[in-house]
């Protein structure tokens, strides 16, 4: 199992980057779905590389 994930680690982010507009777009959709207030905070813990 470890060998499998060690092999993926070097190129993991390449599988999730669709263009410069993707991360802001996705972040906006997540914030809308969560109905966040300006004072709320989000922690990305244990979610891969944090993309």
PDB file of N, CA and C in Angstrom:
ATOM      1  N   UNK A   1       0.820  -1.181   0.000  1.00  0.00           N
ATOM      2  CA  UNK A   1       0.000   0.000   0.000  1.00  0.00           C
ATOM      3  C   UNK A   1       0.873   1.257   0.000  1.00  0.00           C
ATOM      4  N   UNK A   2       1.897   1.277   0.851  1.00  0.00           N
ATOM      5  CA  UNK A   2       2.750   2.465   0.930  1.00  0.00           C
ATOM      6  C   UNK A   2       3.418   2.745  -0.408  1.00  0.00           C
ATOM      7  N   UNK A   3       3.893   1.712  -1.098  1.00  0.00           N
ATOM      8  CA  UNK A   3       4.528   1.915  -2.401  1.00  0.00           C
ATOM      9  C   UNK A   3       3.558   2.564  -3.385  1.00  0.00           C
ATOM     10  N   UNK A   4       2.307   2.167  -3.315  1.00  0.00           N
ATOM     11  CA  UNK A   4       1.285   2.735  -4.196  1.00  0.00           C
ATOM     12  C   UNK A   4       1.182   4.247  -3.993  1.00  0.00           C
ATOM     13  N   UNK A   5       1.051   4.694  -2.750  1.00  0.00           N
ATOM     14  CA  UNK A   5       0.902   6.117  -2.463  1.00  0.00           C
ATOM     15  C   UNK A   5       2.198   6.887  -2.624  1.00  0.00           C
ATOM     16  N   UNK A   6       3.327   6.264  -2.358  1.00  0.00           N
ATOM     17  CA  UNK A   6       4.604   6.923  -2.613  1.00  0.00           C
ATOM     18  C   UNK A   6       4.753   7.216  -4.105  1.00  0.00           C
ATOM     19  N   UNK A   7       4.284   6.289  -4.940  1.00  0.00           N
ATOM     20  CA  UNK A   7       4.334   6.492  -6.386  1.00  0.00           C
ATOM     21  C   UNK A   7       3.415   7.604  -6.857  1.00  0.00           C
ATOM     22  N   UNK A   8       2.290   7.762  -6.215  1.00  0.00           N
ATOM     23  CA  UNK A   8       1.338   8.811  -6.596  1.00  0.00           C
ATOM     24  C   UNK A   8       1.755  10.201  -6.122  1.00  0.00           C
ATOM     25  N   UNK A   9       2.478  10.266  -5.032  1.00  0.00           N
ATOM     26  CA  UNK A   9       2.764  11.548  -4.379  1.00  0.00           C
ATOM     27  C   UNK A   9       3.433  12.555  -5.306  1.00  0.00           C
ATOM     28  N   UNK A  10       4.361  12.123  -6.118  1.00  0.00           N
ATOM     29  CA  UNK A  10       5.128  13.041  -6.957  1.00  0.00           C
ATOM     30  C   UNK A  10       4.258  13.780  -7.964  1.00  0.00           C
ATOM     31  N   UNK A  11       3.187  13.170  -8.402  1.00  0.00           N
ATOM     32  CA  UNK A  11       2.353  13.804  -9.435  1.00  0.00           C
ATOM     33  C   UNK A  11       0.904  14.006  -8.996  1.00  0.00           C
ATOM     34  N   UNK A  12       0.630  13.892  -7.718  1.00  0.00           N
ATOM     35  CA  UNK A  12      -0.740  13.954  -7.223  1.00  0.00           C
ATOM     36  C   UNK A  12      -1.466  15.232  -7.643  1.00  0.00           C
ATOM     37  N   UNK A  13      -0.845  16.395  -7.433  1.00  0.00           N
ATOM     38  CA  UNK A  13      -1.494  17.660  -7.753  1.00  0.00           C
ATOM     39  C   UNK A  13      -1.801  17.803  -9.241  1.00  0.00           C
ATOM     40  N   UNK A  14      -0.999  17.199 -10.084  1.00  0.00           N
ATOM     41  CA  UNK A  14      -1.222  17.302 -11.525  1.00  0.00           C
ATOM     42  C   UNK A  14      -2.573  16.722 -11.934  1.00  0.00           C
ATOM     43  N   UNK A  15      -3.104  15.816 -11.146  1.00  0.00           N
ATOM     44  CA  UNK A  15      -4.388  15.200 -11.472  1.00  0.00           C
ATOM     45  C   UNK A  15      -5.562  16.097 -11.111  1.00  0.00           C
ATOM     46  N   UNK A  16      -5.326  17.167 -10.363  1.00  0.00           N
ATOM     47  CA  UNK A  16      -6.418  18.005  -9.865  1.00  0.00           C
ATOM     48  C   UNK A  16      -6.355  19.445 -10.335  1.00  0.00           C
ATOM     49  N   UNK A  17      -5.378  19.809 -11.127  1.00  0.00           N
ATOM     50  CA  UNK A  17      -5.251  21.184 -11.583  1.00  0.00           C
ATOM     51  C   UNK A  17      -5.810  21.280 -12.996  1.00  0.00           C
ATOM     52  N   UNK A  18      -6.896  22.014 -13.126  1.00  0.00           N
ATOM     53  CA  UNK A  18      -7.566  22.126 -14.412  1.00  0.00           C
ATOM     54  C   UNK A  18      -7.315  23.471 -15.080  1.00  0.00           C
ATOM     55  N   UNK A  19      -6.759  24.415 -14.396  1.00  0.00           N
ATOM     56  CA  UNK A  19      -6.479  25.736 -14.930  1.00  0.00           C
ATOM     57  C   UNK A  19      -6.485  26.738 -13.794  1.00  0.00           C
ATOM     58  N   UNK A  20      -6.023  27.951 -14.056  1.00  0.00           N
ATOM     59  CA  UNK A  20      -5.909  28.943 -12.987  1.00  0.00           C
ATOM     60  C   UNK A  20      -7.257  29.355 -12.384  1.00  0.00           C
ATOM     61  N   UNK A  21      -8.330  29.186 -13.124  1.00  0.00           N
ATOM     62  CA  UNK A  21      -9.645  29.563 -12.611  1.00  0.00           C
ATOM     63  C   UNK A  21     -10.306  28.472 -11.778  1.00  0.00           C
ATOM     64  N   UNK A  22      -9.772  27.267 -11.792  1.00  0.00           N
ATOM     65  CA  UNK A  22     -10.425  26.135 -11.140  1.00  0.00           C
ATOM     66  C   UNK A  22     -10.501  26.277  -9.618  1.00  0.00           C
ATOM     67  N   UNK A  23      -9.389  26.593  -8.967  1.00  0.00           N
ATOM     68  CA  UNK A  23      -9.377  26.659  -7.496  1.00  0.00           C
ATOM     69  C   UNK A  23     -10.289  27.776  -6.986  1.00  0.00           C
ATOM     70  N   UNK A  24     -10.226  28.994  -7.542  1.00  0.00           N
ATOM     71  CA  UNK A  24     -11.170  30.018  -7.077  1.00  0.00           C
ATOM     72  C   UNK A  24     -12.632  29.619  -7.329  1.00  0.00           C
ATOM     73  N   UNK A  25     -12.899  29.003  -8.456  1.00  0.00           N
ATOM     74  CA  UNK A  25     -14.265  28.568  -8.759  1.00  0.00           C
ATOM     75  C   UNK A  25     -14.740  27.528  -7.744  1.00  0.00           C
ATOM     76  N   UNK A  26     -13.928  26.507  -7.510  1.00  0.00           N
ATOM     77  CA  UNK A  26     -14.302  25.450  -6.582  1.00  0.00           C
ATOM     78  C   UNK A  26     -14.442  25.984  -5.159  1.00  0.00           C
ATOM     79  N   UNK A  27     -13.523  26.842  -4.753  1.00  0.00           N
ATOM     80  CA  UNK A  27     -13.602  27.438  -3.414  1.00  0.00           C
ATOM     81  C   UNK A  27     -14.897  28.223  -3.244  1.00  0.00           C
ATOM     82  N   UNK A  28     -15.292  28.945  -4.272  1.00  0.00           N
ATOM     83  CA  UNK A  28     -16.538  29.699  -4.218  1.00  0.00           C
ATOM     84  C   UNK A  28     -17.748  28.804  -4.077  1.00  0.00           C
ATOM     85  N   UNK A  29     -17.746  27.690  -4.808  1.00  0.00           N
ATOM     86  CA  UNK A  29     -18.881  26.749  -4.711  1.00  0.00           C
ATOM     87  C   UNK A  29     -18.958  26.132  -3.326  1.00  0.00           C
ATOM     88  N   UNK A  30     -17.805  25.795  -2.752  1.00  0.00           N
ATOM     89  CA  UNK A  30     -17.777  25.212  -1.406  1.00  0.00           C
ATOM     90  C   UNK A  30     -18.295  26.230  -0.394  1.00  0.00           C
ATOM     91  N   UNK A  31     -17.826  27.464  -0.481  1.00  0.00           N
ATOM     92  CA  UNK A  31     -18.260  28.502   0.455  1.00  0.00           C
ATOM     93  C   UNK A  31     -19.759  28.736   0.351  1.00  0.00           C
ATOM     94  N   UNK A  32     -20.298  28.740  -0.872  1.00  0.00           N
ATOM     95  CA  UNK A  32     -21.742  28.913  -1.053  1.00  0.00           C
ATOM     96  C   UNK A  32     -22.517  27.758  -0.431  1.00  0.00           C
ATOM     97  N   UNK A  33     -22.040  26.553  -0.628  1.00  0.00           N
ATOM     98  CA  UNK A  33     -22.732  25.377  -0.096  1.00  0.00           C
ATOM     99  C   UNK A  33     -22.716  25.349   1.429  1.00  0.00           C
ATOM    100  N   UNK A  34     -21.640  25.850   2.024  1.00  0.00           N
ATOM    101  CA  UNK A  34     -21.515  25.846   3.476  1.00  0.00           C
ATOM    102  C   UNK A  34     -22.176  27.060   4.131  1.00  0.00           C
ATOM    103  N   UNK A  35     -22.553  28.034   3.332  1.00  0.00           N
ATOM    104  CA  UNK A  35     -23.158  29.269   3.827  1.00  0.00           C
ATOM    105  C   UNK A  35     -22.268  29.881   4.924  1.00  0.00           C
ATOM    106  N   UNK A  36     -21.043  30.154   4.567  1.00  0.00           N
ATOM    107  CA  UNK A  36     -20.068  30.681   5.516  1.00  0.00           C
ATOM    108  C   UNK A  36     -20.282  32.170   5.781  1.00  0.00           C
ATOM    109  N   UNK A  37     -20.014  32.566   6.992  1.00  0.00           N
ATOM    110  CA  UNK A  37     -20.021  33.980   7.372  1.00  0.00           C
ATOM    111  C   UNK A  37     -18.599  34.517   7.234  1.00  0.00           C
ATOM    112  N   UNK A  38     -18.431  35.824   7.095  1.00  0.00           N
ATOM    113  CA  UNK A  38     -17.079  36.393   6.961  1.00  0.00           C
ATOM    114  C   UNK A  38     -16.145  36.048   8.120  1.00  0.00           C
ATOM    115  N   UNK A  39     -16.685  35.748   9.265  1.00  0.00           N
ATOM    116  CA  UNK A  39     -15.838  35.431  10.422  1.00  0.00           C
ATOM    117  C   UNK A  39     -15.547  33.936  10.563  1.00  0.00           C
ATOM    118  N   UNK A  40     -16.147  33.094   9.730  1.00  0.00           N
ATOM    119  CA  UNK A  40     -15.903  31.650   9.783  1.00  0.00           C
ATOM    120  C   UNK A  40     -14.521  31.321   9.235  1.00  0.00           C
ATOM    121  N   UNK A  41     -13.980  30.202   9.662  1.00  0.00           N
ATOM    122  CA  UNK A  41     -12.681  29.714   9.186  1.00  0.00           C
ATOM    123  C   UNK A  41     -12.828  28.265   8.762  1.00  0.00           C
ATOM    124  N   UNK A  42     -11.985  27.850   7.812  1.00  0.00           N
ATOM    125  CA  UNK A  42     -11.977  26.471   7.322  1.00  0.00           C
ATOM    126  C   UNK A  42     -10.574  25.916   7.525  1.00  0.00           C
ATOM    127  N   UNK A  43     -10.474  24.691   7.971  1.00  0.00           N
ATOM    128  CA  UNK A  43      -9.187  24.005   8.097  1.00  0.00           C
ATOM    129  C   UNK A  43      -9.203  22.784   7.183  1.00  0.00           C
ATOM    130  N   UNK A  44      -8.209  22.684   6.329  1.00  0.00           N
ATOM    131  CA  UNK A  44      -8.054  21.539   5.439  1.00  0.00           C
ATOM    132  C   UNK A  44      -7.059  20.604   6.123  1.00  0.00           C
ATOM    133  N   UNK A  45      -7.574  19.599   6.798  1.00  0.00           N
ATOM    134  CA  UNK A  45      -6.739  18.692   7.582  1.00  0.00           C
ATOM    135  C   UNK A  45      -6.846  17.275   7.011  1.00  0.00           C
ATOM    136  N   UNK A  46      -5.716  16.747   6.595  1.00  0.00           N
ATOM    137  CA  UNK A  46      -5.690  15.367   6.114  1.00  0.00           C
ATOM    138  C   UNK A  46      -6.401  15.175   4.791  1.00  0.00           C
ATOM    139  N   UNK A  47      -6.338  16.180   3.932  1.00  0.00           N
ATOM    140  CA  UNK A  47      -7.024  16.087   2.644  1.00  0.00           C
ATOM    141  C   UNK A  47      -6.023  16.099   1.501  1.00  0.00           C
ATOM    142  N   UNK A  48      -5.115  15.189   1.514  1.00  0.00           N
ATOM    143  CA  UNK A  48      -4.112  15.148   0.442  1.00  0.00           C
ATOM    144  C   UNK A  48      -3.122  16.279   0.584  1.00  0.00           C
ATOM    145  N   UNK A  49      -2.870  16.984  -0.525  1.00  0.00           N
ATOM    146  CA  UNK A  49      -1.876  18.046  -0.518  1.00  0.00           C
ATOM    147  C   UNK A  49      -2.447  19.389  -0.122  1.00  0.00           C
ATOM    148  N   UNK A  50      -3.726  19.467   0.090  1.00  0.00           N
ATOM    149  CA  UNK A  50      -4.343  20.732   0.474  1.00  0.00           C
ATOM    150  C   UNK A  50      -4.755  21.584  -0.707  1.00  0.00           C
ATOM    151  N   UNK A  51      -4.778  21.021  -1.878  1.00  0.00           N
ATOM    152  CA  UNK A  51      -5.190  21.763  -3.066  1.00  0.00           C
ATOM    153  C   UNK A  51      -6.512  22.450  -2.857  1.00  0.00           C
TER     154      UNK A  51
END
